[in-house]
Amino acid sequence: MEEQPPYQSPPPPKEGNLITVLAVDGGGIRGIIPAVILSFLESQLQEIDGEEARVADYFDVVAGTSTGGLIATMLTAPNENNRPLFSAKEIVPFYLENCPKIFPQSGGICGSVVTFLKELVGPKYDGKYLHKLLREVLGKTRLHQALTNLVIPTFDIKQLQPILFSKYKVAIAPALDALLSDICIGTSAAPTYMPSFYFENTDERGIVREFNLIDGGVAANNPTLTAITEVMRDMTKKNREIAATEPWDCDRFLVISLGTGSAKNEHKYDARAASKWGIITWLYDDGSSPLLDAFNQSMADMVDYHISVVFEAYRSLDNYLRIQDDTLTGTAASLDAATRKNLGDLVKIGEALLKKPVSRLNPETGDYQPIPNAGTNEEALKRFARKLSDERKRRQSKIQNV
């Protein structure tokens, strides 16, 4: 096999004009949707800069929660040649092959009854295949080895607080330098779906820290704001004198935030029905979990709303692209309906989303509404690919001229 050139991480933001951020929501098998979007983005970067271009080459920080954390890790973990472990176009086939084994489907009425009874006393799935798969794929790779700054939210059920696995923090909190496989297992441990995950990590001083983790969606199902906060914190720490006199402007940020789709427009729940629900129905109703749906969607929308308002205040909305489909219905909205047909349908939904107009959340209605004259998501991604390429070239040129 032809030897690959050594990997060069993105030059630091201080060498350029922009701070580049990529974030991917949680959403189980619906991770196929942002995977399709990322495949298109990477293809555009390759058209500009050559077939060796990879998403990790262009972003200062890549963040992901739950299934988004797995995608973020696949894009940024190194292979044996110190290049990204996966190209973006390889993620969809990975999901199509492995999701049916991660989420094995029970057939028929009897199977559904058995699954429901099982969920009353334990998680729907045992997680064994997912755990084994992640350990095989990611091996002994640790957080500090990520090819750019990787940020993955989780939630520690023992401490009742979010735990943010951030490459930025490894130097000051070495116990966070865990195996990427452990981090991915932790952030994807969705309550009622997967078992919570316990592991210990020992830092170079011999100090042992224990983690009792569940899905990062409990803390930040949309990790975009978390990613922005981490890079701002790091930049401020490194440039305290500048930060004291020149606050960070949003026009320095270039942000792509990818959702995994939702069934908001299906209006499947209402207060009259919910007023009669008890604990069981809030956790399980017709194959979904109303409580988890409410938590995840509310957090994702609040983050989107907050970022939109701030970027608009700084007249920088052109630097923020949120791609989300809130029109999913039926099985397509499920986190775990890993039938061949539904997985194929999710691929088609992602492809169709590229053709839809760029939209923004309307906080009054909760719907995503098209932005006049903004074109399609596909056209927006082409514009962002050009900006990302120009920014990388700008940084490289500045370093070479020093």
Protein backbone atom coordinates (compact mmCIF):
# COMPACT_ATOMS: atom_id res chain seq x y z
CA MET A 1 0.00 0.00 0.00
CA GLU A 2 1.28 3.46 -0.89
CA GLU A 3 2.61 5.29 2.14
CA GLN A 4 0.47 8.25 3.20
CA PRO A 5 2.05 11.63 3.94
CA PRO A 6 2.37 12.46 7.65
CA TYR A 7 -0.67 14.12 9.11
CA GLN A 8 -0.54 17.84 9.78
CA SER A 9 -3.21 19.08 12.13
CA PRO A 10 -5.04 22.29 11.21
CA PRO A 11 -2.82 25.31 11.92
CA PRO A 12 -4.09 27.12 15.05
CA PRO A 13 -6.81 29.78 14.83
CA LYS A 14 -4.37 32.53 15.76
CA GLU A 15 -2.73 32.01 12.36
CA GLY A 16 -5.95 32.73 10.46
CA ASN A 17 -9.10 34.81 10.37
CA LEU A 18 -11.67 32.19 11.41
CA ILE A 19 -12.31 29.62 14.13
CA THR A 20 -13.89 26.57 12.52
CA VAL A 21 -16.39 24.36 14.37
CA LEU A 22 -18.25 21.19 13.41
CA ALA A 23 -20.90 19.67 15.69
CA VAL A 24 -23.16 16.61 15.29
CA ASP A 25 -26.27 15.89 17.38
CA GLY A 26 -27.26 12.64 19.03
CA GLY A 27 -30.00 10.47 17.56
CA GLY A 28 -29.19 6.76 17.37
CA ILE A 29 -29.49 5.25 13.89
CA ARG A 30 -30.54 8.68 12.61
CA GLY A 31 -26.81 9.48 12.64
CA ILE A 32 -27.04 8.29 9.03
CA ILE A 33 -28.58 11.66 8.11
CA PRO A 34 -25.60 13.86 9.16
CA ALA A 35 -23.25 11.18 7.81
CA VAL A 36 -24.76 11.75 4.34
CA ILE A 37 -24.32 15.51 4.78
CA LEU A 38 -20.69 15.10 5.85
CA SER A 39 -19.95 12.85 2.90
CA PHE A 40 -21.12 15.62 0.58
CA LEU A 41 -19.09 18.27 2.44
CA GLU A 42 -15.94 16.18 2.23
CA SER A 43 -16.50 15.56 -1.48
CA GLN A 44 -16.59 19.32 -2.02
CA LEU A 45 -13.37 19.80 -0.04
CA GLN A 46 -11.78 17.11 -2.18
CA GLU A 47 -12.88 18.86 -5.37
CA ILE A 48 -11.04 21.94 -4.16
CA ASP A 49 -7.97 20.46 -2.45
CA GLY A 50 -7.56 16.93 -3.78
CA GLU A 51 -8.82 13.46 -2.90
CA GLU A 52 -6.70 13.19 0.26
CA ALA A 53 -8.64 16.00 1.94
CA ARG A 54 -10.53 14.94 5.05
CA VAL A 55 -13.02 16.76 7.29
CA ALA A 56 -10.60 16.76 10.24
CA ASP A 57 -8.10 18.79 8.19
CA TYR A 58 -10.36 21.84 8.27
CA PHE A 59 -11.92 22.14 11.72
CA ASP A 60 -10.39 23.49 14.91
CA VAL A 61 -12.89 21.51 16.93
CA VAL A 62 -15.19 18.59 16.10
CA ALA A 63 -17.90 17.82 18.66
CA GLY A 64 -20.50 15.11 18.85
CA THR A 65 -23.02 13.66 21.28
CA SER A 66 -24.10 10.00 21.39
CA THR A 67 -24.23 8.81 17.77
CA GLY A 68 -22.75 12.20 16.85
CA GLY A 69 -19.87 11.45 19.22
CA LEU A 70 -19.20 8.23 17.35
CA ILE A 71 -19.21 10.10 14.02
CA ALA A 72 -16.92 12.83 15.39
CA THR A 73 -14.52 10.18 16.67
CA MET A 74 -14.49 8.27 13.38
CA LEU A 75 -13.56 11.49 11.58
CA THR A 76 -10.76 12.50 13.97
CA ALA A 77 -9.22 9.28 15.33
CA PRO A 78 -5.89 8.43 13.67
CA ASN A 79 -5.16 5.31 11.63
CA GLU A 80 -1.75 3.62 11.40
CA ASN A 81 -0.56 6.37 9.03
CA ASN A 82 -1.73 9.12 11.40
CA ARG A 83 -4.49 10.10 9.02
CA PRO A 84 -8.22 10.08 9.85
CA LEU A 85 -9.47 6.57 10.59
CA PHE A 86 -12.55 7.02 8.39
CA SER A 87 -13.33 9.21 5.43
CA ALA A 88 -16.77 10.76 5.63
CA LYS A 89 -18.08 8.60 2.80
CA GLU A 90 -17.26 5.44 4.79
CA ILE A 91 -19.53 6.32 7.72
CA VAL A 92 -22.87 5.52 6.06
CA PRO A 93 -21.75 2.00 5.00
CA PHE A 94 -20.44 1.48 8.55
CA TYR A 95 -23.88 2.32 9.95
CA LEU A 96 -25.72 0.19 7.39
CA GLU A 97 -23.56 -2.82 8.23
CA ASN A 98 -23.52 -2.52 12.02
CA CYS A 99 -26.79 -0.92 13.14
CA PRO A 100 -28.85 -4.11 12.68
CA LYS A 101 -26.41 -5.88 15.01
CA ILE A 102 -26.30 -3.05 17.54
CA PHE A 103 -30.11 -2.81 17.58
CA PRO A 104 -31.38 -6.34 16.76
CA GLN A 105 -35.07 -6.21 15.88
CA SER A 106 -37.69 -8.46 17.47
CA GLY A 107 -40.21 -9.82 14.99
CA GLY A 108 -43.97 -10.18 15.33
CA ILE A 109 -46.39 -9.45 18.13
CA CYS A 110 -44.78 -11.95 20.50
CA GLY A 111 -41.38 -10.34 19.95
CA SER A 112 -42.79 -6.89 20.68
CA VAL A 113 -44.39 -8.08 23.91
CA VAL A 114 -41.15 -9.72 25.06
CA THR A 115 -39.20 -6.54 24.24
CA PHE A 116 -41.67 -4.38 26.17
CA LEU A 117 -41.54 -6.62 29.24
CA LYS A 118 -37.76 -6.66 29.08
CA GLU A 119 -37.65 -2.85 28.99
CA LEU A 120 -39.64 -2.70 32.23
CA VAL A 121 -36.76 -4.31 34.12
CA GLY A 122 -33.69 -3.34 32.09
CA PRO A 123 -32.31 -1.66 28.97
CA LYS A 124 -33.76 -2.65 25.61
CA TYR A 125 -30.35 -3.76 24.30
CA ASP A 126 -27.36 -5.27 26.11
CA GLY A 127 -24.79 -3.16 24.21
CA LYS A 128 -22.35 -6.07 23.85
CA TYR A 129 -21.99 -5.83 20.10
CA LEU A 130 -21.51 -2.04 20.20
CA HIS A 131 -18.90 -2.29 22.95
CA LYS A 132 -16.97 -5.00 21.09
CA LEU A 133 -17.18 -3.10 17.80
CA LEU A 134 -15.86 0.15 19.27
CA ARG A 135 -12.98 -1.59 21.01
CA GLU A 136 -12.01 -3.32 17.76
CA VAL A 137 -12.27 -0.18 15.63
CA LEU A 138 -10.68 2.32 18.03
CA GLY A 139 -8.24 0.00 19.79
CA LYS A 140 -6.01 1.69 22.37
CA THR A 141 -6.35 5.19 20.91
CA ARG A 142 -6.83 7.88 23.54
CA LEU A 143 -8.40 11.31 23.49
CA HIS A 144 -5.12 13.23 23.20
CA GLN A 145 -4.35 11.39 19.95
CA ALA A 146 -7.36 12.82 18.10
CA LEU A 147 -6.16 14.63 14.99
CA THR A 148 -7.96 17.84 15.89
CA ASN A 149 -9.70 19.04 19.03
CA LEU A 150 -12.40 16.48 19.83
CA VAL A 151 -15.20 17.33 22.27
CA ILE A 152 -17.73 14.71 23.46
CA PRO A 153 -20.33 15.37 26.20
CA THR A 154 -21.41 12.62 28.60
CA PHE A 155 -23.27 12.61 31.91
CA ASP A 156 -22.01 11.03 35.13
CA ILE A 157 -25.00 9.49 36.90
CA LYS A 158 -23.11 9.13 40.20
CA GLN A 159 -21.95 12.74 40.38
CA LEU A 160 -25.11 14.01 38.66
CA GLN A 161 -23.12 16.33 36.46
CA PRO A 162 -21.99 16.54 32.84
CA ILE A 163 -18.54 15.19 32.04
CA LEU A 164 -16.98 16.80 28.99
CA PHE A 165 -14.29 14.73 27.30
CA SER A 166 -12.39 17.49 25.56
CA LYS A 167 -8.92 17.31 24.06
CA TYR A 168 -8.52 20.91 25.19
CA LYS A 169 -8.73 19.76 28.82
CA VAL A 170 -6.32 16.83 28.74
CA ALA A 171 -3.32 18.93 29.77
CA ILE A 172 -5.03 20.24 32.92
CA ALA A 173 -7.18 17.17 33.64
CA PRO A 174 -5.15 14.14 32.51
CA ALA A 175 -7.71 11.69 33.92
CA LEU A 176 -9.97 12.73 31.02
CA ASP A 177 -7.46 11.26 28.57
CA ALA A 178 -9.48 8.07 28.31
CA LEU A 179 -9.70 5.49 25.56
CA LEU A 180 -11.85 6.80 22.73
CA SER A 181 -13.78 3.53 22.80
CA ASP A 182 -14.74 4.11 26.46
CA ILE A 183 -15.78 7.68 25.72
CA CYS A 184 -17.95 6.60 22.77
CA ILE A 185 -19.58 3.83 24.78
CA GLY A 186 -20.34 6.30 27.57
CA THR A 187 -21.82 9.04 25.39
CA SER A 188 -24.09 6.54 23.61
CA ALA A 189 -25.47 4.84 26.74
CA ALA A 190 -29.00 6.14 26.22
CA PRO A 191 -31.28 5.45 29.22
CA THR A 192 -33.83 2.68 28.50
CA TYR A 193 -31.95 1.75 25.30
CA MET A 194 -28.41 0.90 26.42
CA PRO A 195 -26.86 0.02 29.79
CA SER A 196 -25.04 2.76 31.67
CA PHE A 197 -21.28 2.42 31.45
CA TYR A 198 -18.66 2.28 34.20
CA PHE A 199 -14.92 2.48 33.66
CA GLU A 200 -11.81 3.70 35.42
CA ASN A 201 -8.94 5.68 33.96
CA THR A 202 -5.47 6.13 35.46
CA ASP A 203 -3.44 9.21 34.59
CA GLU A 204 0.35 9.43 34.33
CA ARG A 205 0.59 10.25 38.06
CA GLY A 206 -1.15 7.01 38.95
CA ILE A 207 -4.34 8.75 40.05
CA VAL A 208 -7.42 6.67 39.31
CA ARG A 209 -10.69 8.32 38.34
CA GLU A 210 -13.95 6.45 37.96
CA PHE A 211 -16.71 7.30 35.52
CA ASN A 212 -20.38 6.28 35.72
CA LEU A 213 -21.72 7.44 32.39
CA ILE A 214 -24.95 7.71 30.48
CA ASP A 215 -25.81 9.30 27.15
CA GLY A 216 -24.35 12.75 26.55
CA GLY A 217 -27.76 13.82 25.26
CA VAL A 218 -28.79 14.28 28.89
CA ALA A 219 -26.38 17.23 28.98
CA ALA A 220 -26.05 18.47 25.39
CA ASN A 221 -27.82 16.59 22.63
CA ASN A 222 -26.84 19.46 20.34
CA PRO A 223 -23.16 20.00 21.24
CA THR A 224 -22.62 23.11 19.10
CA LEU A 225 -22.59 25.59 21.97
CA THR A 226 -20.36 23.25 23.97
CA ALA A 227 -17.85 23.19 21.12
CA ILE A 228 -17.86 26.97 20.75
CA THR A 229 -17.42 27.41 24.50
CA GLU A 230 -14.45 25.03 24.58
CA VAL A 231 -12.56 26.76 21.77
CA MET A 232 -13.30 30.22 23.23
CA ARG A 233 -12.07 29.08 26.64
CA ASP A 234 -8.88 27.73 25.12
CA MET A 235 -8.22 30.79 22.99
CA THR A 236 -8.87 33.12 25.93
CA LYS A 237 -6.52 31.15 28.15
CA LYS A 238 -3.75 31.39 25.57
CA ASN A 239 -4.35 35.05 24.80
CA ARG A 240 -5.41 36.63 28.08
CA GLU A 241 -4.04 40.08 27.26
CA ILE A 242 -5.84 40.21 23.92
CA ALA A 243 -9.06 38.82 25.39
CA ALA A 244 -9.10 41.49 28.08
CA THR A 245 -9.24 44.28 25.52
CA GLU A 246 -10.78 42.60 22.45
CA PRO A 247 -13.79 40.37 23.23
CA TRP A 248 -14.36 37.50 20.82
CA ASP A 249 -16.62 38.38 17.92
CA CYS A 250 -18.92 35.84 16.35
CA ASP A 251 -17.69 36.91 12.93
CA ARG A 252 -14.54 34.95 13.71
CA PHE A 253 -16.50 31.71 13.95
CA LEU A 254 -17.44 29.46 11.05
CA VAL A 255 -19.87 26.87 12.41
CA ILE A 256 -21.57 23.86 10.83
CA SER A 257 -24.14 22.19 13.11
CA LEU A 258 -25.80 18.97 11.94
CA GLY A 259 -29.00 17.54 13.39
CA THR A 260 -30.20 13.96 13.12
CA GLY A 261 -33.80 14.79 12.28
CA SER A 262 -36.91 14.91 14.44
CA ALA A 263 -40.64 14.24 14.29
CA LYS A 264 -41.68 17.63 15.65
CA ASN A 265 -44.15 18.24 12.84
CA GLU A 266 -45.80 14.88 13.45
CA HIS A 267 -47.32 16.28 16.66
CA LYS A 268 -47.48 12.78 18.13
CA TYR A 269 -47.99 13.89 21.76
CA ASP A 270 -50.53 16.24 23.30
CA ALA A 271 -51.27 17.52 26.80
CA ARG A 272 -54.71 15.93 27.04
CA ALA A 273 -53.25 12.47 26.58
CA ALA A 274 -50.11 13.17 28.62
CA SER A 275 -52.16 14.41 31.57
CA LYS A 276 -53.11 10.79 32.21
CA TRP A 277 -49.61 9.34 31.84
CA GLY A 278 -47.67 7.77 34.66
CA ILE A 279 -43.99 6.87 34.91
CA ILE A 280 -44.19 3.98 32.44
CA THR A 281 -45.93 5.93 29.66
CA TRP A 282 -43.60 8.91 30.00
CA LEU A 283 -40.74 6.49 29.42
CA TYR A 284 -42.43 4.33 26.79
CA ASP A 285 -45.31 5.13 24.45
CA ASP A 286 -45.89 3.35 21.15
CA GLY A 287 -42.22 2.50 20.64
CA SER A 288 -40.76 5.84 21.69
CA SER A 289 -39.88 7.65 24.90
CA PRO A 290 -41.79 10.95 25.29
CA LEU A 291 -39.58 12.08 28.16
CA LEU A 292 -36.33 11.51 26.26
CA ASP A 293 -37.80 13.04 23.11
CA ALA A 294 -38.78 16.16 25.05
CA PHE A 295 -35.39 16.53 26.75
CA ASN A 296 -33.36 15.97 23.60
CA GLN A 297 -35.43 18.18 21.34
CA SER A 298 -35.76 21.05 23.80
CA MET A 299 -32.01 21.17 24.43
CA ALA A 300 -31.18 20.97 20.73
CA ASP A 301 -33.60 23.76 19.84
CA MET A 302 -32.51 26.03 22.69
CA VAL A 303 -28.88 25.75 21.58
CA ASP A 304 -29.84 26.51 17.98
CA TYR A 305 -31.97 29.45 19.08
CA HIS A 306 -29.26 30.91 21.32
CA ILE A 307 -26.54 30.65 18.66
CA SER A 308 -28.79 32.12 15.96
CA VAL A 309 -29.63 35.14 18.12
CA VAL A 310 -25.99 35.79 19.03
CA PHE A 311 -24.72 35.40 15.47
CA GLU A 312 -27.50 37.66 14.21
CA ALA A 313 -26.57 40.30 16.80
CA TYR A 314 -23.02 40.25 15.45
CA ARG A 315 -24.30 40.27 11.84
CA SER A 316 -22.56 36.94 11.28
CA LEU A 317 -25.43 34.62 10.40
CA ASP A 318 -23.73 33.72 7.12
CA ASN A 319 -21.06 31.98 9.21
CA TYR A 320 -23.55 29.69 10.97
CA LEU A 321 -25.14 26.78 9.14
CA ARG A 322 -27.61 24.52 10.94
CA ILE A 323 -28.92 21.61 8.87
CA GLN A 324 -31.85 19.80 10.42
CA ASP A 325 -34.98 18.00 9.19
CA ASP A 326 -37.97 18.33 11.52
CA THR A 327 -40.40 16.51 9.24
CA LEU A 328 -39.60 12.87 10.05
CA THR A 329 -42.58 10.61 10.56
CA GLY A 330 -43.23 7.12 11.83
CA THR A 331 -40.35 4.66 11.86
CA ALA A 332 -37.91 7.18 10.38
CA ALA A 333 -38.04 9.14 13.65
CA SER A 334 -37.03 6.10 15.72
CA LEU A 335 -33.66 5.90 17.44
CA ASP A 336 -33.34 2.15 16.94
CA ALA A 337 -35.58 0.81 14.13
CA ALA A 338 -32.59 -0.76 12.39
CA THR A 339 -34.44 -2.60 9.64
CA ARG A 340 -32.79 -2.61 6.21
CA LYS A 341 -35.71 -0.64 4.81
CA ASN A 342 -35.60 2.09 7.45
CA LEU A 343 -31.83 2.44 7.25
CA GLY A 344 -32.14 2.84 3.49
CA ASP A 345 -34.92 5.39 4.00
CA LEU A 346 -32.66 7.43 6.30
CA VAL A 347 -30.02 7.57 3.57
CA LYS A 348 -32.67 8.93 1.18
CA ILE A 349 -33.81 11.46 3.81
CA GLY A 350 -30.23 12.72 4.14
CA GLU A 351 -29.89 13.01 0.36
CA ALA A 352 -33.21 14.84 0.12
CA LEU A 353 -32.16 17.19 2.92
CA LEU A 354 -29.25 18.37 0.79
CA LYS A 355 -31.76 19.57 -1.79
CA LYS A 356 -33.96 21.39 0.73
CA PRO A 357 -33.61 25.15 1.31
CA VAL A 358 -31.39 26.46 4.08
CA SER A 359 -33.72 26.94 7.05
CA ARG A 360 -33.66 28.51 10.48
CA LEU A 361 -35.61 27.74 13.63
CA ASN A 362 -38.61 29.97 14.27
CA PRO A 363 -38.73 30.20 18.09
CA GLU A 364 -42.40 31.13 18.03
CA THR A 365 -43.61 28.10 16.08
CA GLY A 366 -40.73 25.68 16.68
CA ASP A 367 -40.58 24.98 12.93
CA TYR A 368 -37.62 25.32 10.60
CA GLN A 369 -38.44 27.93 7.97
CA PRO A 370 -36.58 28.59 4.70
CA ILE A 371 -34.28 31.61 4.60
CA PRO A 372 -34.96 33.82 1.57
CA ASN A 373 -32.21 33.80 -1.06
CA ALA A 374 -30.03 31.37 0.93
CA GLY A 375 -30.27 28.54 -1.59
CA THR A 376 -30.24 24.87 -0.73
CA ASN A 377 -28.23 23.09 1.97
CA GLU A 378 -26.12 21.63 -0.82
CA GLU A 379 -25.30 25.09 -2.14
CA ALA A 380 -24.56 26.36 1.37
CA LEU A 381 -22.16 23.47 1.99
CA LYS A 382 -20.33 24.32 -1.22
CA ARG A 383 -19.90 27.89 0.03
CA PHE A 384 -18.68 26.67 3.40
CA ALA A 385 -16.27 24.23 1.75
CA ARG A 386 -14.70 27.14 -0.12
CA LYS A 387 -14.44 29.18 3.09
CA LEU A 388 -12.87 26.24 4.94
CA SER A 389 -10.35 25.68 2.17
CA ASP A 390 -9.45 29.37 1.95
CA GLU A 391 -9.00 29.54 5.73
CA ARG A 392 -6.69 26.54 5.78
CA LYS A 393 -4.59 27.92 2.93
CA ARG A 394 -4.43 31.30 4.69
CA ARG A 395 -3.05 29.71 7.86
CA GLN A 396 -0.55 27.55 6.00
CA SER A 397 0.71 30.54 4.02
CA LYS A 398 1.16 32.61 7.18
CA ILE A 399 3.15 29.86 8.87
CA GLN A 400 5.36 29.33 5.81
CA ASN A 401 6.10 33.06 5.59
CA VAL A 402 7.20 33.39 9.22
